[in-house]
């Protein structure tokens, strides 16, 4: 049975207590920390930048799974690498040359991820799949936390997993957006092995983070 990894999104954390929130996630068994970076331009919201990530880096040994929703993204990749990102995920629409941006991430010694919005076709990244460590399938349109899961993305996860298995590729399939105890089963069965969740992890079961992580992983 494949290991299901949980990447809690700190977008749903208490921003006044981020360091302690991250420690709670680590103690609760999270596999990595998902950091949503939004620029108010590529997506209609504004969150955090490299200085915040750098300030949090010493508070956990967990990998930082950094999702860059910024455009143009290429010139900022090194900033986030230097700040302590371990996985850097970008959108094809946010760079003039996707291959060069992927290569830049890898040259910095980081894992490279590419994120596909609900309406972004797999074909855009298909020829780069042997260079990519992770594909992030968005199950909502990025920009805000707490949105409802778009069920149509299940077919996209299945198709991506079929391509992966047919070609014996090693990238991981991550899903982000509206993940809860009901739809997580369908996402895992479709082929995902990393689940990003914010609201469910921080809010369900009266905020019992450990229970919520274990429940998502075991469904």
N, C-alpha and C. Protein backbone atom coordinates (compact mmCIF):
# COMPACT_ATOMS: atom_id res chain seq x y z
N UNK A 1 0.84 -1.21 0.00
CA UNK A 1 0.00 0.00 0.00
C UNK A 1 0.88 1.26 0.00
N UNK A 2 0.56 2.22 -0.88
CA UNK A 2 1.37 3.42 -0.95
C UNK A 2 1.19 4.28 0.29
N UNK A 3 2.25 4.97 0.67
CA UNK A 3 2.19 5.87 1.82
C UNK A 3 1.51 7.17 1.40
N UNK A 4 0.54 7.57 2.19
CA UNK A 4 -0.14 8.83 1.94
C UNK A 4 0.49 9.91 2.82
N UNK A 5 0.96 10.95 2.17
CA UNK A 5 1.60 12.05 2.89
C UNK A 5 0.60 13.19 3.08
N UNK A 6 0.69 13.84 4.23
CA UNK A 6 -0.19 14.96 4.54
C UNK A 6 0.65 16.23 4.63
N UNK A 7 0.23 17.24 3.84
CA UNK A 7 0.93 18.52 3.79
C UNK A 7 -0.04 19.62 4.24
N UNK A 8 -0.11 19.89 5.54
CA UNK A 8 -1.06 20.90 6.04
C UNK A 8 -0.72 22.29 5.52
N UNK A 9 -1.75 23.00 5.08
CA UNK A 9 -1.57 24.35 4.58
C UNK A 9 -1.65 25.35 5.72
N UNK A 10 -0.58 26.11 5.91
CA UNK A 10 -0.58 27.10 7.00
C UNK A 10 -1.42 28.32 6.65
N UNK A 11 -2.03 28.33 5.47
CA UNK A 11 -2.96 29.40 5.13
C UNK A 11 -4.13 29.42 6.11
N UNK A 12 -4.42 28.25 6.70
CA UNK A 12 -5.53 28.16 7.66
C UNK A 12 -5.07 28.24 9.11
N UNK A 13 -3.77 28.45 9.31
CA UNK A 13 -3.23 28.53 10.67
C UNK A 13 -3.46 29.92 11.26
N UNK A 14 -3.17 30.05 12.54
CA UNK A 14 -3.22 31.34 13.22
C UNK A 14 -1.91 32.07 12.88
N UNK A 15 -1.99 33.09 12.04
CA UNK A 15 -0.78 33.77 11.57
C UNK A 15 -0.05 34.51 12.68
N UNK A 16 -0.71 34.77 13.79
CA UNK A 16 -0.03 35.42 14.92
C UNK A 16 0.78 34.42 15.73
N UNK A 17 0.59 33.12 15.43
CA UNK A 17 1.28 32.06 16.18
C UNK A 17 1.89 31.04 15.22
N UNK A 18 2.43 31.48 14.11
CA UNK A 18 2.85 30.55 13.06
C UNK A 18 3.92 29.56 13.53
N UNK A 19 4.88 30.01 14.30
CA UNK A 19 5.94 29.09 14.72
C UNK A 19 5.38 27.98 15.60
N UNK A 20 4.50 28.32 16.53
CA UNK A 20 3.92 27.29 17.39
C UNK A 20 2.94 26.40 16.62
N UNK A 21 2.25 26.97 15.64
CA UNK A 21 1.34 26.18 14.81
C UNK A 21 2.12 25.13 14.02
N UNK A 22 3.28 25.52 13.49
CA UNK A 22 4.11 24.59 12.74
C UNK A 22 4.64 23.48 13.65
N UNK A 23 5.01 23.84 14.86
CA UNK A 23 5.48 22.83 15.81
C UNK A 23 4.36 21.83 16.12
N UNK A 24 3.15 22.33 16.25
CA UNK A 24 1.99 21.44 16.49
C UNK A 24 1.81 20.47 15.34
N UNK A 25 1.96 20.97 14.13
CA UNK A 25 1.79 20.12 12.94
C UNK A 25 2.86 19.03 12.91
N UNK A 26 4.08 19.38 13.25
CA UNK A 26 5.17 18.40 13.26
C UNK A 26 4.91 17.33 14.32
N UNK A 27 4.52 17.76 15.50
CA UNK A 27 4.23 16.83 16.60
C UNK A 27 3.02 15.95 16.29
N UNK A 28 2.12 16.46 15.46
CA UNK A 28 0.90 15.71 15.12
C UNK A 28 1.11 14.71 13.99
N UNK A 29 2.31 14.71 13.41
CA UNK A 29 2.61 13.71 12.38
C UNK A 29 2.52 14.17 10.95
N UNK A 30 2.51 15.48 10.72
CA UNK A 30 2.51 15.98 9.33
C UNK A 30 3.80 15.56 8.63
N UNK A 31 3.72 15.36 7.33
CA UNK A 31 4.89 14.95 6.55
C UNK A 31 5.67 16.13 6.01
N UNK A 32 4.99 17.25 5.81
CA UNK A 32 5.61 18.46 5.29
C UNK A 32 4.70 19.63 5.61
N UNK A 33 5.18 20.83 5.36
CA UNK A 33 4.40 22.04 5.60
C UNK A 33 4.13 22.72 4.27
N UNK A 34 2.85 22.91 3.95
CA UNK A 34 2.47 23.54 2.68
C UNK A 34 2.36 25.04 2.88
N UNK A 35 3.14 25.78 2.09
CA UNK A 35 3.18 27.24 2.21
C UNK A 35 2.63 27.85 0.91
N UNK A 36 1.49 28.51 1.00
CA UNK A 36 0.86 29.15 -0.15
C UNK A 36 1.36 30.58 -0.27
N UNK A 37 2.03 30.87 -1.36
CA UNK A 37 2.56 32.22 -1.61
C UNK A 37 1.75 32.85 -2.73
N UNK A 38 1.06 33.95 -2.40
CA UNK A 38 0.19 34.62 -3.37
C UNK A 38 0.59 36.08 -3.48
N UNK A 39 0.52 36.61 -4.71
CA UNK A 39 1.05 37.95 -4.96
C UNK A 39 0.00 39.03 -5.18
N UNK A 40 -1.29 38.66 -5.12
CA UNK A 40 -2.32 39.65 -5.39
C UNK A 40 -2.42 40.03 -6.86
N UNK A 41 -1.66 39.33 -7.70
CA UNK A 41 -1.63 39.62 -9.14
C UNK A 41 -1.98 38.36 -9.93
N UNK A 42 -1.20 37.30 -9.74
CA UNK A 42 -1.50 36.02 -10.40
C UNK A 42 -2.78 35.41 -9.83
N UNK A 43 -2.98 35.61 -8.53
CA UNK A 43 -4.23 35.20 -7.86
C UNK A 43 -4.72 36.38 -7.02
N UNK A 44 -6.03 36.44 -6.76
CA UNK A 44 -6.59 37.60 -6.06
C UNK A 44 -6.45 37.55 -4.55
N UNK A 45 -5.25 37.36 -4.07
CA UNK A 45 -5.00 37.37 -2.63
C UNK A 45 -3.52 37.66 -2.43
N UNK A 46 -3.17 38.06 -1.23
CA UNK A 46 -1.79 38.40 -0.90
C UNK A 46 -1.44 37.70 0.40
N UNK A 47 -0.34 36.93 0.40
CA UNK A 47 0.00 36.20 1.63
C UNK A 47 1.41 36.56 2.11
N UNK A 48 2.34 35.62 2.02
CA UNK A 48 3.65 35.83 2.63
C UNK A 48 4.77 35.73 1.59
N UNK A 49 5.96 36.19 1.98
CA UNK A 49 7.11 36.14 1.10
C UNK A 49 8.29 35.44 1.75
N UNK A 50 9.45 35.48 1.12
CA UNK A 50 10.64 34.79 1.62
C UNK A 50 11.03 35.11 3.06
N UNK A 51 10.93 36.37 3.54
CA UNK A 51 11.36 36.64 4.91
C UNK A 51 10.58 35.83 5.96
N UNK A 52 9.29 35.64 5.73
CA UNK A 52 8.49 34.86 6.67
C UNK A 52 8.92 33.40 6.65
N UNK A 53 9.12 32.87 5.45
CA UNK A 53 9.57 31.47 5.33
C UNK A 53 10.92 31.30 6.01
N UNK A 54 11.81 32.24 5.79
CA UNK A 54 13.14 32.18 6.42
C UNK A 54 13.04 32.21 7.94
N UNK A 55 12.13 33.02 8.46
CA UNK A 55 11.98 33.13 9.92
C UNK A 55 11.39 31.87 10.53
N UNK A 56 10.63 31.10 9.73
CA UNK A 56 10.01 29.87 10.23
C UNK A 56 10.90 28.65 10.08
N UNK A 57 11.91 28.76 9.22
CA UNK A 57 12.71 27.59 8.86
C UNK A 57 13.34 26.89 10.06
N UNK A 58 13.77 27.65 11.05
CA UNK A 58 14.46 27.06 12.21
C UNK A 58 13.50 26.40 13.20
N UNK A 59 12.19 26.54 12.96
CA UNK A 59 11.22 26.02 13.93
C UNK A 59 10.73 24.61 13.62
N UNK A 60 11.19 24.03 12.52
CA UNK A 60 10.79 22.66 12.19
C UNK A 60 11.82 22.03 11.26
N UNK A 61 11.90 20.70 11.34
CA UNK A 61 12.75 19.95 10.41
C UNK A 61 11.95 19.43 9.22
N UNK A 62 10.64 19.65 9.24
CA UNK A 62 9.81 19.17 8.14
C UNK A 62 10.12 19.93 6.85
N UNK A 63 9.99 19.26 5.70
CA UNK A 63 10.19 19.95 4.42
C UNK A 63 9.15 21.05 4.23
N UNK A 64 9.58 22.15 3.64
CA UNK A 64 8.67 23.23 3.27
C UNK A 64 8.25 23.02 1.81
N UNK A 65 6.97 22.78 1.64
CA UNK A 65 6.33 22.51 0.36
C UNK A 65 5.73 23.84 -0.11
N UNK A 66 6.52 24.61 -0.88
CA UNK A 66 6.16 25.99 -1.18
C UNK A 66 5.51 26.10 -2.55
N UNK A 67 4.28 26.57 -2.56
CA UNK A 67 3.47 26.71 -3.77
C UNK A 67 3.44 28.18 -4.17
N UNK A 68 4.15 28.51 -5.26
CA UNK A 68 4.26 29.88 -5.70
C UNK A 68 3.15 30.24 -6.68
N UNK A 69 2.24 31.05 -6.21
CA UNK A 69 1.17 31.58 -7.05
C UNK A 69 1.49 33.04 -7.34
N UNK A 70 2.63 33.23 -8.04
CA UNK A 70 3.12 34.56 -8.34
C UNK A 70 3.58 34.62 -9.80
N UNK A 71 3.49 35.81 -10.38
CA UNK A 71 3.88 35.98 -11.78
C UNK A 71 4.47 37.38 -11.98
N UNK A 72 5.63 37.44 -12.68
CA UNK A 72 6.41 36.34 -13.24
C UNK A 72 7.19 35.62 -12.14
N UNK A 73 7.21 34.31 -12.19
CA UNK A 73 7.75 33.54 -11.07
C UNK A 73 9.26 33.30 -11.15
N UNK A 74 9.80 33.22 -12.36
CA UNK A 74 11.18 32.75 -12.53
C UNK A 74 12.19 33.54 -11.69
N UNK A 75 12.07 34.86 -11.71
CA UNK A 75 13.09 35.68 -11.04
C UNK A 75 13.02 35.61 -9.52
N UNK A 76 11.96 35.00 -8.98
CA UNK A 76 11.83 34.90 -7.52
C UNK A 76 12.19 33.51 -6.98
N UNK A 77 12.44 32.57 -7.86
CA UNK A 77 12.68 31.19 -7.42
C UNK A 77 13.85 31.11 -6.45
N UNK A 78 14.96 31.79 -6.76
CA UNK A 78 16.13 31.72 -5.89
C UNK A 78 15.85 32.31 -4.52
N UNK A 79 15.05 33.36 -4.45
CA UNK A 79 14.71 33.96 -3.16
C UNK A 79 14.04 32.95 -2.24
N UNK A 80 13.11 32.18 -2.81
CA UNK A 80 12.41 31.19 -1.99
C UNK A 80 13.30 29.99 -1.68
N UNK A 81 14.18 29.66 -2.59
CA UNK A 81 15.16 28.60 -2.33
C UNK A 81 16.06 29.00 -1.17
N UNK A 82 16.58 30.22 -1.21
CA UNK A 82 17.47 30.71 -0.16
C UNK A 82 16.75 30.82 1.18
N UNK A 83 15.44 31.09 1.13
CA UNK A 83 14.67 31.25 2.36
C UNK A 83 14.42 29.93 3.08
N UNK A 84 14.58 28.79 2.35
CA UNK A 84 14.42 27.51 3.01
C UNK A 84 13.39 26.58 2.42
N UNK A 85 12.88 26.91 1.24
CA UNK A 85 11.94 26.01 0.58
C UNK A 85 12.65 24.72 0.18
N UNK A 86 11.97 23.59 0.33
CA UNK A 86 12.53 22.30 -0.07
C UNK A 86 11.91 21.82 -1.38
N UNK A 87 10.63 22.11 -1.55
CA UNK A 87 9.91 21.83 -2.79
C UNK A 87 9.38 23.17 -3.29
N UNK A 88 9.64 23.49 -4.55
CA UNK A 88 9.14 24.74 -5.11
C UNK A 88 8.23 24.40 -6.28
N UNK A 89 6.97 24.76 -6.14
CA UNK A 89 5.96 24.43 -7.15
C UNK A 89 5.49 25.71 -7.83
N UNK A 90 5.48 25.68 -9.17
CA UNK A 90 5.12 26.85 -9.95
C UNK A 90 4.00 26.52 -10.93
N UNK A 91 3.39 27.54 -11.47
CA UNK A 91 2.34 27.37 -12.48
C UNK A 91 2.90 27.62 -13.87
N UNK A 92 2.53 26.80 -14.85
CA UNK A 92 3.02 27.00 -16.23
C UNK A 92 2.69 28.39 -16.77
N UNK A 93 1.53 28.92 -16.37
CA UNK A 93 1.08 30.22 -16.86
C UNK A 93 1.90 31.38 -16.31
N UNK A 94 2.72 31.10 -15.27
CA UNK A 94 3.43 32.17 -14.57
C UNK A 94 4.88 32.33 -15.01
N UNK A 95 5.30 31.55 -16.00
CA UNK A 95 6.68 31.64 -16.48
C UNK A 95 6.71 31.65 -18.01
N UNK A 96 7.69 32.35 -18.56
CA UNK A 96 7.82 32.40 -20.01
C UNK A 96 8.42 31.10 -20.56
N UNK A 97 9.17 30.39 -19.73
CA UNK A 97 9.81 29.16 -20.18
C UNK A 97 9.76 28.13 -19.04
N UNK A 98 8.78 27.24 -19.11
CA UNK A 98 8.57 26.29 -18.03
C UNK A 98 9.78 25.39 -17.82
N UNK A 99 10.38 24.91 -18.90
CA UNK A 99 11.54 24.03 -18.78
C UNK A 99 12.70 24.74 -18.05
N UNK A 100 12.95 25.99 -18.40
CA UNK A 100 14.04 26.73 -17.76
C UNK A 100 13.77 26.96 -16.28
N UNK A 101 12.52 27.20 -15.94
CA UNK A 101 12.17 27.41 -14.53
C UNK A 101 12.30 26.11 -13.73
N UNK A 102 11.88 25.01 -14.31
CA UNK A 102 12.06 23.70 -13.66
C UNK A 102 13.55 23.43 -13.45
N UNK A 103 14.34 23.67 -14.50
CA UNK A 103 15.79 23.45 -14.42
C UNK A 103 16.42 24.34 -13.35
N UNK A 104 15.97 25.57 -13.27
CA UNK A 104 16.50 26.52 -12.27
C UNK A 104 16.26 25.99 -10.85
N UNK A 105 15.06 25.49 -10.61
CA UNK A 105 14.73 24.92 -9.30
C UNK A 105 15.65 23.74 -8.99
N UNK A 106 15.81 22.86 -9.96
CA UNK A 106 16.64 21.66 -9.76
C UNK A 106 18.11 22.03 -9.57
N UNK A 107 18.58 23.03 -10.32
CA UNK A 107 19.97 23.47 -10.19
C UNK A 107 20.26 24.05 -8.80
N UNK A 108 19.23 24.56 -8.15
CA UNK A 108 19.38 25.09 -6.79
C UNK A 108 19.32 23.98 -5.73
N UNK A 109 19.16 22.75 -6.20
CA UNK A 109 19.14 21.62 -5.28
C UNK A 109 17.80 21.37 -4.63
N UNK A 110 16.74 21.90 -5.22
CA UNK A 110 15.40 21.74 -4.66
C UNK A 110 14.57 20.80 -5.53
N UNK A 111 13.51 20.28 -4.96
CA UNK A 111 12.56 19.49 -5.75
C UNK A 111 11.66 20.44 -6.52
N UNK A 112 11.36 20.07 -7.76
CA UNK A 112 10.56 20.93 -8.63
C UNK A 112 9.15 20.38 -8.79
N UNK A 113 8.18 21.27 -8.57
CA UNK A 113 6.79 20.91 -8.76
C UNK A 113 6.13 21.83 -9.76
N UNK A 114 5.11 21.31 -10.44
CA UNK A 114 4.30 22.12 -11.34
C UNK A 114 2.85 21.97 -10.94
N UNK A 115 2.16 23.08 -10.84
CA UNK A 115 0.76 23.08 -10.42
C UNK A 115 -0.17 23.29 -11.61
N UNK A 116 -1.24 22.47 -11.65
CA UNK A 116 -2.23 22.57 -12.71
C UNK A 116 -3.56 23.04 -12.13
N UNK A 117 -4.02 24.19 -12.57
CA UNK A 117 -5.34 24.67 -12.18
C UNK A 117 -6.42 23.75 -12.73
N UNK A 118 -7.64 23.83 -12.22
CA UNK A 118 -8.71 22.94 -12.71
C UNK A 118 -8.89 22.94 -14.22
N UNK A 119 -8.62 24.08 -14.87
CA UNK A 119 -8.80 24.15 -16.32
C UNK A 119 -7.50 24.08 -17.10
N UNK A 120 -6.39 23.74 -16.45
CA UNK A 120 -5.10 23.60 -17.13
C UNK A 120 -4.91 22.15 -17.55
N UNK A 121 -4.61 21.95 -18.82
CA UNK A 121 -4.49 20.60 -19.37
C UNK A 121 -3.16 19.93 -18.96
N UNK A 122 -3.21 18.62 -18.77
CA UNK A 122 -2.01 17.84 -18.47
C UNK A 122 -1.01 17.94 -19.62
N UNK A 123 -1.51 18.07 -20.83
CA UNK A 123 -0.64 18.11 -22.02
C UNK A 123 0.40 19.23 -21.95
N UNK A 124 0.11 20.29 -21.21
CA UNK A 124 1.05 21.41 -21.09
C UNK A 124 2.36 20.97 -20.42
N UNK A 125 2.27 19.99 -19.52
CA UNK A 125 3.47 19.57 -18.77
C UNK A 125 3.94 18.17 -19.14
N UNK A 126 3.20 17.49 -20.03
CA UNK A 126 3.46 16.07 -20.26
C UNK A 126 4.89 15.79 -20.71
N UNK A 127 5.46 16.65 -21.54
CA UNK A 127 6.81 16.38 -22.04
C UNK A 127 7.89 16.66 -20.99
N UNK A 128 7.50 17.25 -19.85
CA UNK A 128 8.47 17.56 -18.80
C UNK A 128 8.36 16.61 -17.60
N UNK A 129 7.48 15.63 -17.68
CA UNK A 129 7.19 14.81 -16.50
C UNK A 129 8.38 14.04 -15.96
N UNK A 130 9.33 13.73 -16.82
CA UNK A 130 10.51 13.02 -16.33
C UNK A 130 11.49 13.95 -15.61
N UNK A 131 11.24 15.27 -15.67
CA UNK A 131 12.09 16.25 -15.00
C UNK A 131 11.47 16.74 -13.68
N UNK A 132 10.20 16.42 -13.48
CA UNK A 132 9.43 16.99 -12.38
C UNK A 132 9.35 16.01 -11.20
N UNK A 133 9.47 16.54 -9.98
CA UNK A 133 9.36 15.71 -8.79
C UNK A 133 7.92 15.60 -8.30
N UNK A 134 7.09 16.57 -8.66
CA UNK A 134 5.74 16.64 -8.10
C UNK A 134 4.82 17.38 -9.06
N UNK A 135 3.61 16.87 -9.21
CA UNK A 135 2.54 17.59 -9.90
C UNK A 135 1.46 17.91 -8.87
N UNK A 136 1.15 19.18 -8.74
CA UNK A 136 0.11 19.62 -7.81
C UNK A 136 -1.17 19.88 -8.60
N UNK A 137 -2.16 19.04 -8.39
CA UNK A 137 -3.46 19.21 -9.02
C UNK A 137 -4.33 20.09 -8.12
N UNK A 138 -4.73 21.24 -8.64
CA UNK A 138 -5.61 22.12 -7.88
C UNK A 138 -7.05 21.67 -8.04
N UNK A 139 -7.71 21.42 -6.92
CA UNK A 139 -9.12 21.01 -6.95
C UNK A 139 -10.04 22.17 -6.58
N UNK A 140 -9.47 23.37 -6.55
CA UNK A 140 -10.21 24.63 -6.51
C UNK A 140 -9.41 25.61 -7.36
N UNK A 141 -10.00 26.75 -7.68
CA UNK A 141 -9.23 27.79 -8.35
C UNK A 141 -8.45 28.54 -7.27
N UNK A 142 -7.13 28.63 -7.42
CA UNK A 142 -6.29 29.16 -6.33
C UNK A 142 -6.55 30.62 -6.02
N UNK A 143 -6.32 30.96 -4.77
CA UNK A 143 -6.48 32.34 -4.35
C UNK A 143 -7.00 32.49 -2.94
N UNK A 144 -7.85 31.53 -2.51
CA UNK A 144 -8.44 31.62 -1.18
C UNK A 144 -8.58 30.23 -0.57
N UNK A 145 -8.45 30.15 0.76
CA UNK A 145 -8.70 28.90 1.46
C UNK A 145 -10.18 28.70 1.70
N UNK A 146 -10.56 27.47 2.06
CA UNK A 146 -11.94 27.19 2.44
C UNK A 146 -12.91 26.99 1.30
N UNK A 147 -12.40 26.84 0.06
CA UNK A 147 -13.30 26.64 -1.08
C UNK A 147 -13.75 25.18 -1.18
N UNK A 148 -14.85 24.96 -1.93
CA UNK A 148 -15.37 23.62 -2.11
C UNK A 148 -14.62 22.87 -3.21
N UNK A 149 -14.39 21.61 -2.95
CA UNK A 149 -13.71 20.71 -3.87
C UNK A 149 -14.46 20.61 -5.20
N UNK A 150 -13.72 20.66 -6.32
CA UNK A 150 -14.31 20.51 -7.65
C UNK A 150 -14.18 19.04 -8.06
N UNK A 151 -15.26 18.26 -8.05
CA UNK A 151 -15.15 16.81 -8.27
C UNK A 151 -14.64 16.40 -9.63
N UNK A 152 -14.76 17.28 -10.63
CA UNK A 152 -14.31 16.94 -11.98
C UNK A 152 -12.80 16.68 -12.05
N UNK A 153 -12.05 17.15 -11.07
CA UNK A 153 -10.58 16.96 -11.13
C UNK A 153 -10.18 15.51 -10.86
N UNK A 154 -11.11 14.71 -10.35
CA UNK A 154 -10.81 13.29 -10.10
C UNK A 154 -10.34 12.63 -11.40
N UNK A 155 -11.01 12.93 -12.50
CA UNK A 155 -10.63 12.34 -13.78
C UNK A 155 -9.22 12.77 -14.20
N UNK A 156 -8.87 14.01 -13.88
CA UNK A 156 -7.53 14.50 -14.21
C UNK A 156 -6.47 13.75 -13.40
N UNK A 157 -6.75 13.51 -12.13
CA UNK A 157 -5.82 12.75 -11.27
C UNK A 157 -5.65 11.34 -11.83
N UNK A 158 -6.76 10.72 -12.21
CA UNK A 158 -6.71 9.36 -12.77
C UNK A 158 -5.87 9.33 -14.05
N UNK A 159 -6.09 10.31 -14.93
CA UNK A 159 -5.35 10.35 -16.19
C UNK A 159 -3.86 10.55 -15.94
N UNK A 160 -3.53 11.45 -15.02
CA UNK A 160 -2.13 11.71 -14.71
C UNK A 160 -1.47 10.46 -14.13
N UNK A 161 -2.19 9.76 -13.26
CA UNK A 161 -1.65 8.54 -12.67
C UNK A 161 -1.45 7.45 -13.72
N UNK A 162 -2.35 7.37 -14.68
CA UNK A 162 -2.20 6.41 -15.78
C UNK A 162 -0.94 6.70 -16.59
N UNK A 163 -0.70 7.97 -16.88
CA UNK A 163 0.50 8.38 -17.61
C UNK A 163 1.75 8.01 -16.81
N UNK A 164 1.68 8.28 -15.52
CA UNK A 164 2.81 7.98 -14.63
C UNK A 164 3.15 6.49 -14.63
N UNK A 165 2.13 5.66 -14.46
CA UNK A 165 2.37 4.22 -14.39
C UNK A 165 2.77 3.64 -15.74
N UNK A 166 2.15 4.11 -16.81
CA UNK A 166 2.45 3.60 -18.14
C UNK A 166 3.90 3.87 -18.53
N UNK A 167 4.42 5.02 -18.10
CA UNK A 167 5.78 5.42 -18.48
C UNK A 167 6.80 5.20 -17.36
N UNK A 168 6.35 4.55 -16.27
CA UNK A 168 7.24 4.24 -15.14
C UNK A 168 7.96 5.49 -14.62
N UNK A 169 7.18 6.55 -14.40
CA UNK A 169 7.72 7.82 -13.92
C UNK A 169 7.63 7.89 -12.39
N UNK A 170 8.41 8.79 -11.80
CA UNK A 170 8.53 8.81 -10.34
C UNK A 170 7.95 10.03 -9.65
N UNK A 171 7.34 10.94 -10.39
CA UNK A 171 6.81 12.14 -9.73
C UNK A 171 5.66 11.79 -8.79
N UNK A 172 5.51 12.63 -7.77
CA UNK A 172 4.41 12.45 -6.82
C UNK A 172 3.20 13.27 -7.28
N UNK A 173 2.02 12.81 -6.90
CA UNK A 173 0.78 13.52 -7.26
C UNK A 173 0.17 14.10 -5.99
N UNK A 174 0.12 15.41 -5.96
CA UNK A 174 -0.39 16.15 -4.81
C UNK A 174 -1.70 16.82 -5.21
N UNK A 175 -2.64 16.89 -4.28
CA UNK A 175 -3.93 17.53 -4.56
C UNK A 175 -4.23 18.55 -3.47
N UNK A 176 -4.69 19.72 -3.91
CA UNK A 176 -4.93 20.83 -2.98
C UNK A 176 -6.23 21.52 -3.35
N UNK A 177 -7.10 21.68 -2.34
CA UNK A 177 -8.32 22.46 -2.53
C UNK A 177 -9.56 21.75 -2.04
N UNK A 178 -10.07 22.15 -0.90
CA UNK A 178 -11.32 21.58 -0.40
C UNK A 178 -11.23 20.14 0.04
N UNK A 179 -10.03 19.66 0.36
CA UNK A 179 -9.87 18.26 0.78
C UNK A 179 -10.48 18.06 2.17
N UNK A 180 -11.35 17.05 2.27
CA UNK A 180 -11.98 16.74 3.56
C UNK A 180 -12.06 15.22 3.74
N UNK A 181 -12.69 14.79 4.81
CA UNK A 181 -12.74 13.36 5.13
C UNK A 181 -13.59 12.57 4.15
N UNK A 182 -14.43 13.25 3.39
CA UNK A 182 -15.29 12.56 2.43
C UNK A 182 -14.60 12.37 1.08
N UNK A 183 -14.06 13.45 0.53
CA UNK A 183 -13.49 13.35 -0.82
C UNK A 183 -12.06 12.83 -0.84
N UNK A 184 -11.38 12.81 0.30
CA UNK A 184 -9.99 12.35 0.32
C UNK A 184 -9.86 10.91 -0.16
N UNK A 185 -10.85 10.08 0.14
CA UNK A 185 -10.82 8.69 -0.31
C UNK A 185 -10.79 8.61 -1.84
N UNK A 186 -11.62 9.42 -2.49
CA UNK A 186 -11.70 9.40 -3.95
C UNK A 186 -10.39 9.92 -4.57
N UNK A 187 -9.80 10.91 -3.93
CA UNK A 187 -8.54 11.48 -4.42
C UNK A 187 -7.41 10.45 -4.33
N UNK A 188 -7.35 9.74 -3.22
CA UNK A 188 -6.33 8.70 -3.03
C UNK A 188 -6.54 7.56 -4.01
N UNK A 189 -7.78 7.12 -4.14
CA UNK A 189 -8.08 6.02 -5.07
C UNK A 189 -7.75 6.39 -6.51
N UNK A 190 -7.85 7.68 -6.84
CA UNK A 190 -7.56 8.14 -8.20
C UNK A 190 -6.06 8.14 -8.49
N UNK A 191 -5.24 8.15 -7.43
CA UNK A 191 -3.80 8.08 -7.64
C UNK A 191 -2.95 9.07 -6.88
N UNK A 192 -3.57 9.97 -6.13
CA UNK A 192 -2.79 10.96 -5.37
C UNK A 192 -2.10 10.30 -4.18
N UNK A 193 -0.93 10.81 -3.83
CA UNK A 193 -0.25 10.31 -2.63
C UNK A 193 0.12 11.42 -1.65
N UNK A 194 -0.15 12.68 -2.03
CA UNK A 194 0.04 13.80 -1.09
C UNK A 194 -1.25 14.61 -1.05
N UNK A 195 -1.76 14.82 0.15
CA UNK A 195 -2.97 15.62 0.33
C UNK A 195 -2.63 16.92 1.05
N UNK A 196 -3.02 18.02 0.44
CA UNK A 196 -2.90 19.33 1.09
C UNK A 196 -4.24 19.65 1.72
N UNK A 197 -4.21 20.07 2.96
CA UNK A 197 -5.46 20.42 3.62
C UNK A 197 -5.20 21.50 4.66
N UNK A 198 -6.08 22.48 4.70
CA UNK A 198 -5.95 23.54 5.69
C UNK A 198 -7.11 23.53 6.65
N UNK A 199 -8.29 23.86 6.13
CA UNK A 199 -9.48 23.98 6.98
C UNK A 199 -9.78 22.69 7.73
N UNK A 200 -9.74 21.56 7.02
CA UNK A 200 -10.06 20.28 7.67
C UNK A 200 -9.08 19.96 8.79
N UNK A 201 -7.81 20.18 8.57
CA UNK A 201 -6.80 19.86 9.59
C UNK A 201 -6.90 20.78 10.80
N UNK A 202 -7.12 22.05 10.56
CA UNK A 202 -7.11 23.00 11.67
C UNK A 202 -8.47 23.17 12.36
N UNK A 203 -9.57 22.82 11.67
CA UNK A 203 -10.88 23.15 12.21
C UNK A 203 -11.73 21.94 12.65
N UNK A 204 -11.57 20.81 11.96
CA UNK A 204 -12.43 19.66 12.29
C UNK A 204 -12.10 19.07 13.65
N UNK A 205 -13.05 18.32 14.21
CA UNK A 205 -12.87 17.66 15.51
C UNK A 205 -12.34 18.62 16.57
N UNK A 206 -12.94 19.80 16.59
CA UNK A 206 -12.58 20.85 17.57
C UNK A 206 -11.09 21.19 17.52
N UNK A 207 -10.52 21.12 16.32
CA UNK A 207 -9.11 21.50 16.16
C UNK A 207 -8.11 20.45 16.61
N UNK A 208 -8.54 19.19 16.65
CA UNK A 208 -7.62 18.10 17.02
C UNK A 208 -6.77 17.76 15.80
N UNK A 209 -5.63 18.44 15.68
CA UNK A 209 -4.79 18.34 14.49
C UNK A 209 -4.29 16.92 14.27
N UNK A 210 -3.84 16.28 15.32
CA UNK A 210 -3.31 14.92 15.20
C UNK A 210 -4.37 13.96 14.69
N UNK A 211 -5.56 14.04 15.25
CA UNK A 211 -6.66 13.17 14.82
C UNK A 211 -7.02 13.44 13.37
N UNK A 212 -7.04 14.70 12.99
CA UNK A 212 -7.43 15.04 11.62
C UNK A 212 -6.39 14.57 10.60
N UNK A 213 -5.12 14.69 10.92
CA UNK A 213 -4.07 14.21 10.03
C UNK A 213 -4.16 12.68 9.88
N UNK A 214 -4.31 12.01 11.00
CA UNK A 214 -4.38 10.54 10.98
C UNK A 214 -5.61 10.07 10.21
N UNK A 215 -6.73 10.77 10.36
CA UNK A 215 -7.96 10.40 9.66
C UNK A 215 -7.80 10.58 8.16
N UNK A 216 -7.24 11.71 7.73
CA UNK A 216 -7.03 11.93 6.29
C UNK A 216 -6.11 10.87 5.69
N UNK A 217 -5.07 10.50 6.43
CA UNK A 217 -4.10 9.57 5.92
C UNK A 217 -4.66 8.15 5.82
N UNK A 218 -5.57 7.80 6.70
CA UNK A 218 -6.03 6.41 6.79
C UNK A 218 -7.31 6.10 6.04
N UNK A 219 -7.96 7.12 5.51
CA UNK A 219 -9.23 6.90 4.80
C UNK A 219 -9.03 6.06 3.55
